[in-house]
N, C-alpha and C. Protein backbone atom coordinates (compact mmCIF):
# COMPACT_ATOMS: atom_id res chain seq x y z
N MET A 1 -63.30 -2.33 -62.33
CA MET A 1 -64.40 -1.91 -63.17
C MET A 1 -65.31 -0.99 -62.35
N TRP A 2 -65.88 -0.02 -62.96
CA TRP A 2 -66.69 0.98 -62.29
C TRP A 2 -67.99 0.36 -61.79
N ILE A 3 -68.47 0.82 -60.68
CA ILE A 3 -69.63 0.24 -60.02
C ILE A 3 -70.91 0.35 -60.85
N THR A 4 -70.93 1.20 -61.85
CA THR A 4 -72.13 1.32 -62.68
C THR A 4 -72.41 0.05 -63.46
N CYS A 5 -71.39 -0.78 -63.64
CA CYS A 5 -71.62 -2.04 -64.34
C CYS A 5 -72.45 -3.00 -63.50
N LEU A 6 -72.46 -2.82 -62.17
CA LEU A 6 -73.18 -3.72 -61.30
C LEU A 6 -74.67 -3.42 -61.22
N TYR A 7 -75.06 -2.21 -61.50
CA TYR A 7 -76.45 -1.81 -61.34
C TYR A 7 -76.99 -1.32 -62.68
N GLY A 8 -78.31 -1.47 -62.87
CA GLY A 8 -78.88 -1.19 -64.17
C GLY A 8 -79.51 0.16 -64.35
N ASP A 9 -79.63 0.96 -63.29
CA ASP A 9 -80.32 2.23 -63.49
C ASP A 9 -79.38 3.29 -64.06
N PHE A 10 -79.95 4.42 -64.39
CA PHE A 10 -79.19 5.48 -65.03
C PHE A 10 -78.38 6.26 -64.02
N ILE A 11 -77.28 6.83 -64.50
CA ILE A 11 -76.48 7.72 -63.69
C ILE A 11 -77.10 9.11 -63.84
N ASN A 12 -77.39 9.73 -62.72
CA ASN A 12 -78.05 11.03 -62.77
C ASN A 12 -77.06 12.15 -62.52
N LEU A 13 -77.29 13.25 -63.15
CA LEU A 13 -76.46 14.42 -62.96
C LEU A 13 -76.84 15.07 -61.65
N ILE A 14 -75.88 15.29 -60.78
CA ILE A 14 -76.16 15.84 -59.47
C ILE A 14 -75.73 17.31 -59.39
N LYS A 15 -74.51 17.60 -59.76
CA LYS A 15 -73.99 18.93 -59.54
C LYS A 15 -72.94 19.23 -60.60
N SER A 16 -72.84 20.46 -61.00
CA SER A 16 -71.77 20.82 -61.92
C SER A 16 -71.15 22.13 -61.48
N ASP A 17 -69.85 22.22 -61.61
CA ASP A 17 -69.14 23.45 -61.28
C ASP A 17 -69.23 24.41 -62.46
N THR A 18 -68.81 25.63 -62.24
CA THR A 18 -68.81 26.60 -63.33
C THR A 18 -67.65 26.31 -64.27
N VAL A 19 -67.73 26.88 -65.44
CA VAL A 19 -66.66 26.71 -66.42
C VAL A 19 -65.44 27.46 -65.93
N ASN A 20 -64.28 26.86 -66.12
CA ASN A 20 -63.03 27.51 -65.74
C ASN A 20 -62.86 28.82 -66.49
N PRO A 21 -62.07 29.75 -65.94
CA PRO A 21 -61.85 31.01 -66.66
C PRO A 21 -61.29 30.82 -68.07
N SER A 22 -60.55 29.75 -68.27
CA SER A 22 -60.02 29.50 -69.61
C SER A 22 -61.11 28.99 -70.54
N GLY A 23 -62.23 28.52 -69.98
CA GLY A 23 -63.33 28.04 -70.80
C GLY A 23 -63.11 26.67 -71.39
N ARG A 24 -62.15 25.92 -70.87
CA ARG A 24 -61.80 24.64 -71.50
C ARG A 24 -62.56 23.46 -70.90
N ARG A 25 -62.56 23.31 -69.58
CA ARG A 25 -63.12 22.09 -68.99
C ARG A 25 -64.09 22.44 -67.87
N MET A 26 -65.00 21.53 -67.62
CA MET A 26 -65.94 21.69 -66.53
C MET A 26 -65.99 20.40 -65.73
N LYS A 27 -66.14 20.51 -64.41
CA LYS A 27 -66.19 19.37 -63.53
C LYS A 27 -67.65 19.00 -63.27
N VAL A 28 -68.02 17.74 -63.48
CA VAL A 28 -69.38 17.28 -63.30
C VAL A 28 -69.38 16.11 -62.33
N LEU A 29 -70.26 16.15 -61.34
CA LEU A 29 -70.39 15.08 -60.37
C LEU A 29 -71.59 14.23 -60.73
N ARG A 30 -71.36 12.93 -60.91
CA ARG A 30 -72.45 12.00 -61.20
C ARG A 30 -72.55 10.98 -60.08
N ARG A 31 -73.78 10.58 -59.78
CA ARG A 31 -74.01 9.64 -58.70
C ARG A 31 -74.97 8.56 -59.17
N GLN A 32 -74.66 7.31 -58.83
CA GLN A 32 -75.55 6.19 -59.15
C GLN A 32 -76.51 6.04 -57.98
N ASN A 33 -77.80 6.22 -58.24
CA ASN A 33 -78.79 6.28 -57.17
C ASN A 33 -78.94 4.97 -56.41
N SER A 34 -78.94 3.84 -57.09
CA SER A 34 -79.14 2.57 -56.38
C SER A 34 -77.97 2.26 -55.46
N ALA A 35 -76.76 2.51 -55.90
CA ALA A 35 -75.60 2.25 -55.06
C ALA A 35 -75.54 3.24 -53.90
N TYR A 36 -75.90 4.48 -54.16
CA TYR A 36 -75.91 5.49 -53.11
C TYR A 36 -76.95 5.14 -52.04
N ALA A 37 -78.13 4.71 -52.46
CA ALA A 37 -79.18 4.32 -51.52
C ALA A 37 -78.77 3.08 -50.72
N LEU A 38 -78.11 2.13 -51.36
CA LEU A 38 -77.62 0.94 -50.66
C LEU A 38 -76.58 1.33 -49.61
N GLY A 39 -75.69 2.25 -49.94
CA GLY A 39 -74.68 2.70 -48.98
C GLY A 39 -75.30 3.40 -47.79
N ILE A 40 -76.29 4.26 -48.04
CA ILE A 40 -76.98 4.96 -46.94
C ILE A 40 -77.73 3.95 -46.07
N LEU A 41 -78.37 2.96 -46.70
CA LEU A 41 -79.10 1.94 -45.95
C LEU A 41 -78.16 1.12 -45.06
N LEU A 42 -77.00 0.74 -45.59
CA LEU A 42 -76.03 0.00 -44.79
C LEU A 42 -75.52 0.84 -43.62
N CYS A 43 -75.28 2.12 -43.85
CA CYS A 43 -74.83 3.00 -42.76
C CYS A 43 -75.91 3.13 -41.69
N LEU A 44 -77.16 3.30 -42.09
CA LEU A 44 -78.24 3.40 -41.12
C LEU A 44 -78.40 2.11 -40.32
N LEU A 45 -78.32 0.96 -40.99
CA LEU A 45 -78.41 -0.32 -40.27
C LEU A 45 -77.25 -0.49 -39.29
N GLY A 46 -76.07 -0.03 -39.67
CA GLY A 46 -74.92 -0.11 -38.77
C GLY A 46 -75.10 0.77 -37.54
N ILE A 47 -75.63 1.97 -37.74
CA ILE A 47 -75.88 2.86 -36.60
C ILE A 47 -76.95 2.29 -35.68
N ILE A 48 -78.01 1.73 -36.27
CA ILE A 48 -79.06 1.11 -35.46
C ILE A 48 -78.52 -0.08 -34.68
N ALA A 49 -77.65 -0.86 -35.30
CA ALA A 49 -77.06 -2.01 -34.60
C ALA A 49 -76.17 -1.55 -33.44
N LEU A 50 -75.44 -0.45 -33.61
CA LEU A 50 -74.64 0.07 -32.51
C LEU A 50 -75.51 0.60 -31.38
N MET A 51 -76.61 1.25 -31.74
CA MET A 51 -77.53 1.75 -30.72
C MET A 51 -78.22 0.60 -30.00
N LEU A 52 -78.39 -0.51 -30.70
CA LEU A 52 -79.05 -1.68 -30.12
C LEU A 52 -78.23 -2.29 -28.99
N THR A 53 -76.92 -2.08 -29.02
CA THR A 53 -76.08 -2.63 -27.94
C THR A 53 -76.38 -1.96 -26.61
N LEU A 54 -76.83 -0.70 -26.64
CA LEU A 54 -77.21 -0.01 -25.40
C LEU A 54 -78.70 -0.15 -25.10
N TRP A 55 -79.43 -0.81 -25.95
CA TRP A 55 -80.88 -0.93 -25.82
C TRP A 55 -81.28 -1.75 -24.60
N ASN A 56 -80.50 -2.74 -24.30
CA ASN A 56 -80.78 -3.61 -23.17
C ASN A 56 -80.82 -2.77 -21.89
N ASP A 57 -81.88 -2.90 -21.09
CA ASP A 57 -82.04 -2.09 -19.88
C ASP A 57 -80.91 -2.30 -18.89
N ASP A 58 -80.46 -3.54 -18.76
CA ASP A 58 -79.39 -3.85 -17.84
C ASP A 58 -78.08 -3.20 -18.28
N THR A 59 -77.79 -3.23 -19.56
CA THR A 59 -76.56 -2.63 -20.08
C THR A 59 -76.59 -1.11 -19.90
N TRP A 60 -77.69 -0.48 -20.24
CA TRP A 60 -77.77 0.98 -20.14
C TRP A 60 -77.68 1.45 -18.70
N SER A 61 -78.31 0.73 -17.77
CA SER A 61 -78.25 1.14 -16.37
C SER A 61 -76.83 1.02 -15.81
N LYS A 62 -76.11 0.00 -16.21
CA LYS A 62 -74.73 -0.17 -15.74
C LYS A 62 -73.79 0.87 -16.35
N VAL A 63 -73.95 1.17 -17.63
CA VAL A 63 -73.08 2.14 -18.30
C VAL A 63 -73.35 3.55 -17.81
N SER A 64 -74.62 3.90 -17.63
CA SER A 64 -74.95 5.27 -17.23
C SER A 64 -74.58 5.56 -15.78
N SER A 65 -74.55 4.56 -14.92
CA SER A 65 -74.22 4.79 -13.51
C SER A 65 -72.74 4.58 -13.20
N ALA A 66 -71.94 4.16 -14.15
CA ALA A 66 -70.53 3.88 -13.89
C ALA A 66 -69.70 5.15 -13.88
N LYS A 67 -68.59 5.12 -13.14
CA LYS A 67 -67.68 6.27 -13.12
C LYS A 67 -66.88 6.35 -14.41
N ASP A 68 -66.55 5.20 -14.97
CA ASP A 68 -65.85 5.15 -16.25
C ASP A 68 -66.74 4.39 -17.24
N PRO A 69 -67.64 5.11 -17.96
CA PRO A 69 -68.61 4.41 -18.81
C PRO A 69 -67.98 3.66 -19.98
N PHE A 70 -66.88 4.16 -20.52
CA PHE A 70 -66.28 3.50 -21.68
C PHE A 70 -65.73 2.13 -21.33
N SER A 71 -64.96 2.02 -20.24
CA SER A 71 -64.41 0.71 -19.86
C SER A 71 -65.53 -0.23 -19.38
N THR A 72 -66.56 0.31 -18.75
CA THR A 72 -67.69 -0.52 -18.34
C THR A 72 -68.41 -1.07 -19.57
N TYR A 73 -68.59 -0.21 -20.58
CA TYR A 73 -69.25 -0.63 -21.82
C TYR A 73 -68.43 -1.73 -22.52
N LEU A 74 -67.11 -1.56 -22.57
CA LEU A 74 -66.26 -2.57 -23.20
C LEU A 74 -66.30 -3.90 -22.45
N SER A 75 -66.35 -3.86 -21.14
CA SER A 75 -66.42 -5.12 -20.40
C SER A 75 -67.80 -5.77 -20.56
N LEU A 76 -68.85 -4.95 -20.67
CA LEU A 76 -70.19 -5.51 -20.85
C LEU A 76 -70.38 -6.12 -22.24
N LEU A 77 -69.63 -5.65 -23.21
CA LEU A 77 -69.74 -6.22 -24.56
C LEU A 77 -69.39 -7.71 -24.55
N TRP A 78 -68.45 -8.10 -23.72
CA TRP A 78 -68.01 -9.49 -23.68
C TRP A 78 -68.84 -10.36 -22.73
N THR A 79 -69.52 -9.72 -21.77
CA THR A 79 -70.26 -10.51 -20.78
C THR A 79 -71.76 -10.55 -21.01
N GLU A 80 -72.34 -9.44 -21.41
CA GLU A 80 -73.80 -9.37 -21.58
C GLU A 80 -74.23 -10.10 -22.85
N LYS A 81 -75.42 -10.68 -22.77
CA LYS A 81 -76.00 -11.36 -23.93
C LYS A 81 -77.31 -10.69 -24.28
N LEU A 82 -77.62 -10.70 -25.56
CA LEU A 82 -78.84 -10.11 -26.06
C LEU A 82 -79.67 -11.22 -26.69
N ALA A 83 -80.95 -11.28 -26.31
CA ALA A 83 -81.82 -12.33 -26.82
C ALA A 83 -83.03 -11.69 -27.49
N PHE A 84 -83.09 -11.78 -28.82
CA PHE A 84 -84.26 -11.30 -29.55
C PHE A 84 -85.40 -12.32 -29.43
N VAL A 85 -85.02 -13.58 -29.53
CA VAL A 85 -85.95 -14.69 -29.41
C VAL A 85 -85.45 -15.53 -28.23
N PRO A 86 -86.33 -16.12 -27.43
CA PRO A 86 -85.86 -16.85 -26.23
C PRO A 86 -84.82 -17.93 -26.51
N TRP A 87 -84.85 -18.57 -27.62
CA TRP A 87 -83.89 -19.64 -27.90
C TRP A 87 -82.65 -19.18 -28.66
N PHE A 88 -82.57 -17.87 -28.97
CA PHE A 88 -81.43 -17.36 -29.75
C PHE A 88 -80.78 -16.21 -29.00
N GLU A 89 -79.60 -16.46 -28.41
CA GLU A 89 -78.85 -15.44 -27.69
C GLU A 89 -77.47 -15.27 -28.33
N PHE A 90 -76.96 -14.05 -28.25
CA PHE A 90 -75.58 -13.82 -28.67
C PHE A 90 -75.01 -12.66 -27.87
N ARG A 91 -73.70 -12.61 -27.81
CA ARG A 91 -73.03 -11.55 -27.05
C ARG A 91 -73.12 -10.23 -27.82
N LEU A 92 -73.03 -9.16 -27.07
CA LEU A 92 -73.13 -7.83 -27.67
C LEU A 92 -71.96 -7.52 -28.59
N VAL A 93 -70.81 -8.13 -28.35
CA VAL A 93 -69.64 -7.86 -29.18
C VAL A 93 -69.89 -8.31 -30.62
N TYR A 94 -70.66 -9.36 -30.82
CA TYR A 94 -70.96 -9.81 -32.18
C TYR A 94 -71.79 -8.77 -32.92
N LEU A 95 -72.69 -8.13 -32.20
CA LEU A 95 -73.51 -7.07 -32.80
C LEU A 95 -72.66 -5.85 -33.16
N VAL A 96 -71.68 -5.54 -32.31
CA VAL A 96 -70.79 -4.41 -32.60
C VAL A 96 -69.93 -4.70 -33.83
N VAL A 97 -69.43 -5.92 -33.94
CA VAL A 97 -68.62 -6.29 -35.12
C VAL A 97 -69.47 -6.22 -36.39
N LEU A 98 -70.70 -6.71 -36.32
CA LEU A 98 -71.61 -6.62 -37.47
C LEU A 98 -71.91 -5.17 -37.82
N ALA A 99 -72.14 -4.34 -36.82
CA ALA A 99 -72.42 -2.92 -37.07
C ALA A 99 -71.22 -2.22 -37.71
N ASP A 100 -70.02 -2.50 -37.22
CA ASP A 100 -68.82 -1.90 -37.81
C ASP A 100 -68.65 -2.34 -39.27
N ALA A 101 -68.90 -3.60 -39.54
CA ALA A 101 -68.78 -4.09 -40.92
C ALA A 101 -69.80 -3.41 -41.83
N MET A 102 -71.03 -3.22 -41.34
CA MET A 102 -72.04 -2.55 -42.16
C MET A 102 -71.70 -1.08 -42.37
N LEU A 103 -71.18 -0.42 -41.36
CA LEU A 103 -70.78 0.99 -41.52
C LEU A 103 -69.66 1.14 -42.54
N ILE A 104 -68.65 0.29 -42.45
CA ILE A 104 -67.52 0.36 -43.39
C ILE A 104 -68.00 0.05 -44.81
N ALA A 105 -68.81 -0.99 -44.96
CA ALA A 105 -69.32 -1.33 -46.29
C ALA A 105 -70.20 -0.21 -46.84
N GLY A 106 -71.01 0.41 -46.01
CA GLY A 106 -71.86 1.51 -46.45
C GLY A 106 -71.07 2.71 -46.92
N VAL A 107 -70.03 3.06 -46.19
CA VAL A 107 -69.19 4.19 -46.60
C VAL A 107 -68.47 3.88 -47.90
N VAL A 108 -67.95 2.66 -48.05
CA VAL A 108 -67.25 2.28 -49.28
C VAL A 108 -68.19 2.33 -50.48
N VAL A 109 -69.40 1.80 -50.33
CA VAL A 109 -70.37 1.81 -51.44
C VAL A 109 -70.77 3.24 -51.79
N CYS A 110 -70.95 4.10 -50.79
CA CYS A 110 -71.29 5.51 -51.06
C CYS A 110 -70.16 6.22 -51.81
N VAL A 111 -68.94 5.96 -51.40
CA VAL A 111 -67.79 6.61 -52.06
C VAL A 111 -67.65 6.10 -53.50
N LEU A 112 -67.87 4.81 -53.72
CA LEU A 112 -67.73 4.27 -55.07
C LEU A 112 -68.90 4.63 -55.99
N SER A 113 -70.01 5.09 -55.43
CA SER A 113 -71.16 5.43 -56.27
C SER A 113 -71.08 6.85 -56.82
N VAL A 114 -70.09 7.61 -56.42
CA VAL A 114 -69.93 9.00 -56.86
C VAL A 114 -68.67 9.10 -57.69
N ARG A 115 -68.75 9.82 -58.80
CA ARG A 115 -67.60 9.95 -59.69
C ARG A 115 -67.59 11.33 -60.34
N TRP A 116 -66.42 11.93 -60.44
CA TRP A 116 -66.25 13.22 -61.11
C TRP A 116 -65.88 12.98 -62.57
N PHE A 117 -66.49 13.74 -63.46
CA PHE A 117 -66.16 13.73 -64.87
C PHE A 117 -65.73 15.13 -65.28
N TYR A 118 -64.84 15.21 -66.25
CA TYR A 118 -64.44 16.49 -66.81
C TYR A 118 -65.00 16.60 -68.21
N MET A 119 -65.73 17.66 -68.43
CA MET A 119 -66.33 17.87 -69.75
C MET A 119 -65.77 19.16 -70.33
N PRO A 120 -65.57 19.20 -71.62
CA PRO A 120 -65.04 20.42 -72.22
C PRO A 120 -66.04 21.56 -72.14
N GLY A 121 -65.54 22.78 -71.99
CA GLY A 121 -66.40 23.95 -71.91
C GLY A 121 -66.51 24.68 -73.23
N LYS A 122 -65.91 24.20 -74.28
CA LYS A 122 -65.98 24.86 -75.58
C LYS A 122 -66.98 24.12 -76.46
N ASN A 123 -67.17 24.61 -77.65
CA ASN A 123 -68.11 23.97 -78.57
C ASN A 123 -67.55 22.64 -79.07
N VAL A 124 -68.36 21.61 -79.01
CA VAL A 124 -67.96 20.28 -79.45
C VAL A 124 -69.08 19.68 -80.29
N TRP A 125 -68.74 18.59 -80.97
CA TRP A 125 -69.73 17.85 -81.76
C TRP A 125 -70.29 16.72 -80.93
N TYR A 126 -71.62 16.58 -80.96
CA TYR A 126 -72.31 15.50 -80.26
C TYR A 126 -73.00 14.60 -81.26
N ARG A 127 -73.22 13.34 -80.84
CA ARG A 127 -74.01 12.40 -81.63
C ARG A 127 -75.05 11.78 -80.71
N CYS A 128 -76.28 11.76 -81.17
CA CYS A 128 -77.38 11.17 -80.40
C CYS A 128 -77.28 9.64 -80.49
N PRO A 129 -77.35 8.92 -79.36
CA PRO A 129 -77.30 7.47 -79.42
C PRO A 129 -78.57 6.82 -79.99
N TYR A 130 -79.65 7.60 -80.12
CA TYR A 130 -80.90 7.05 -80.64
C TYR A 130 -81.05 7.29 -82.14
N CYS A 131 -80.96 8.56 -82.57
CA CYS A 131 -81.17 8.86 -83.99
C CYS A 131 -79.86 8.95 -84.77
N HIS A 132 -78.71 8.93 -84.11
CA HIS A 132 -77.38 8.95 -84.72
C HIS A 132 -77.13 10.18 -85.58
N LYS A 133 -77.77 11.30 -85.24
CA LYS A 133 -77.51 12.56 -85.95
C LYS A 133 -76.55 13.39 -85.12
N ASP A 134 -75.74 14.22 -85.82
CA ASP A 134 -74.72 15.02 -85.18
C ASP A 134 -75.16 16.47 -85.10
N TRP A 135 -74.68 17.19 -84.08
CA TRP A 135 -74.89 18.62 -83.97
C TRP A 135 -73.78 19.21 -83.11
N ARG A 136 -73.62 20.51 -83.25
CA ARG A 136 -72.57 21.22 -82.54
C ARG A 136 -73.22 22.00 -81.40
N SER A 137 -72.61 21.89 -80.20
CA SER A 137 -73.18 22.57 -79.04
C SER A 137 -72.08 22.83 -78.02
N ARG A 138 -72.44 23.60 -77.01
CA ARG A 138 -71.51 23.88 -75.93
C ARG A 138 -71.34 22.61 -75.10
N GLY A 139 -70.13 22.29 -74.71
CA GLY A 139 -69.83 21.02 -74.05
C GLY A 139 -69.92 21.04 -72.56
N ASP A 140 -70.78 21.85 -71.97
CA ASP A 140 -70.86 21.91 -70.52
C ASP A 140 -72.12 21.26 -69.96
N MET A 141 -72.77 20.41 -70.75
CA MET A 141 -73.97 19.73 -70.28
C MET A 141 -73.76 18.22 -70.35
N ALA A 142 -74.20 17.53 -69.30
CA ALA A 142 -74.08 16.07 -69.30
C ALA A 142 -75.36 15.41 -69.77
N LEU A 143 -76.49 15.99 -69.44
CA LEU A 143 -77.78 15.46 -69.86
C LEU A 143 -78.46 16.54 -70.68
N ILE A 144 -78.64 16.29 -71.97
CA ILE A 144 -79.21 17.32 -72.84
C ILE A 144 -80.33 16.72 -73.68
N GLN A 145 -81.02 17.60 -74.37
CA GLN A 145 -82.11 17.16 -75.24
C GLN A 145 -81.61 17.22 -76.68
N CYS A 146 -81.79 16.09 -77.37
CA CYS A 146 -81.37 16.01 -78.77
C CYS A 146 -82.24 16.96 -79.59
N PRO A 147 -81.62 17.83 -80.42
CA PRO A 147 -82.43 18.75 -81.22
C PRO A 147 -83.18 18.06 -82.36
N HIS A 148 -82.82 16.82 -82.67
CA HIS A 148 -83.47 16.12 -83.79
C HIS A 148 -84.63 15.25 -83.32
N CYS A 149 -84.39 14.39 -82.32
CA CYS A 149 -85.45 13.46 -81.90
C CYS A 149 -86.12 13.89 -80.60
N GLN A 150 -85.66 14.98 -79.98
CA GLN A 150 -86.26 15.57 -78.79
C GLN A 150 -86.27 14.66 -77.57
N GLN A 151 -85.30 13.75 -77.45
CA GLN A 151 -85.20 12.89 -76.27
C GLN A 151 -84.10 13.40 -75.36
N LYS A 152 -84.28 13.23 -74.06
CA LYS A 152 -83.22 13.56 -73.11
C LYS A 152 -82.21 12.43 -73.12
N ILE A 153 -80.96 12.79 -73.39
CA ILE A 153 -79.93 11.77 -73.60
C ILE A 153 -78.62 12.16 -72.93
N HIS A 154 -77.75 11.18 -72.78
CA HIS A 154 -76.34 11.41 -72.48
C HIS A 154 -75.63 11.27 -73.83
N PRO A 155 -75.30 12.38 -74.49
CA PRO A 155 -74.78 12.29 -75.85
C PRO A 155 -73.36 11.74 -75.92
N ILE A 156 -73.01 11.30 -77.10
CA ILE A 156 -71.67 10.81 -77.37
C ILE A 156 -70.87 11.94 -78.01
N MET A 157 -69.71 12.28 -77.43
CA MET A 157 -68.86 13.30 -78.03
C MET A 157 -68.06 12.66 -79.16
N ILE A 158 -68.04 13.32 -80.31
CA ILE A 158 -67.31 12.77 -81.47
C ILE A 158 -66.24 13.75 -81.88
N GLU A 159 -65.40 13.32 -82.80
CA GLU A 159 -64.34 14.16 -83.32
C GLU A 159 -64.94 15.34 -84.08
N LYS A 160 -64.21 16.45 -84.06
CA LYS A 160 -64.67 17.65 -84.74
C LYS A 160 -64.67 17.44 -86.24
N LYS A 161 -65.78 17.82 -86.88
CA LYS A 161 -65.89 17.66 -88.34
C LYS A 161 -65.14 18.79 -89.04
N ALA A 162 -64.66 18.47 -90.23
CA ALA A 162 -63.91 19.46 -91.00
C ALA A 162 -64.83 20.38 -91.76
């Protein structure tokens, strides 16, 4: 099921490509803002957690002065401990695992919050979800204003009338 079912806010129109030379279809990119913000937040927290592993003065001094910083950093992940509170200590490797999980989850949520739609580029019939009146218009808009009730809506495309 699409991620928009999980969140209650509206899907906003972000970008649209030009109409194809044939004039038939148009590509529209829609993004769910709450999911996109959650993904960015998770990615930022993951990056901060990775930077926090080098925050310890002892760890940074050992890594920066070593001839092989990468292997020194990997060995320090298993030996060094980080204490935010005096009674709560944990190894740096746990922080790296948490940071990697947050980065992966953030990227997945960002990718799932974006979706491409194809809209027709020719004239189609629309129906307003509020006033239920029909009108004919060009099909290259995702968010339009109803000509009858003057509300900004995501219209419903209906079958062509005879």
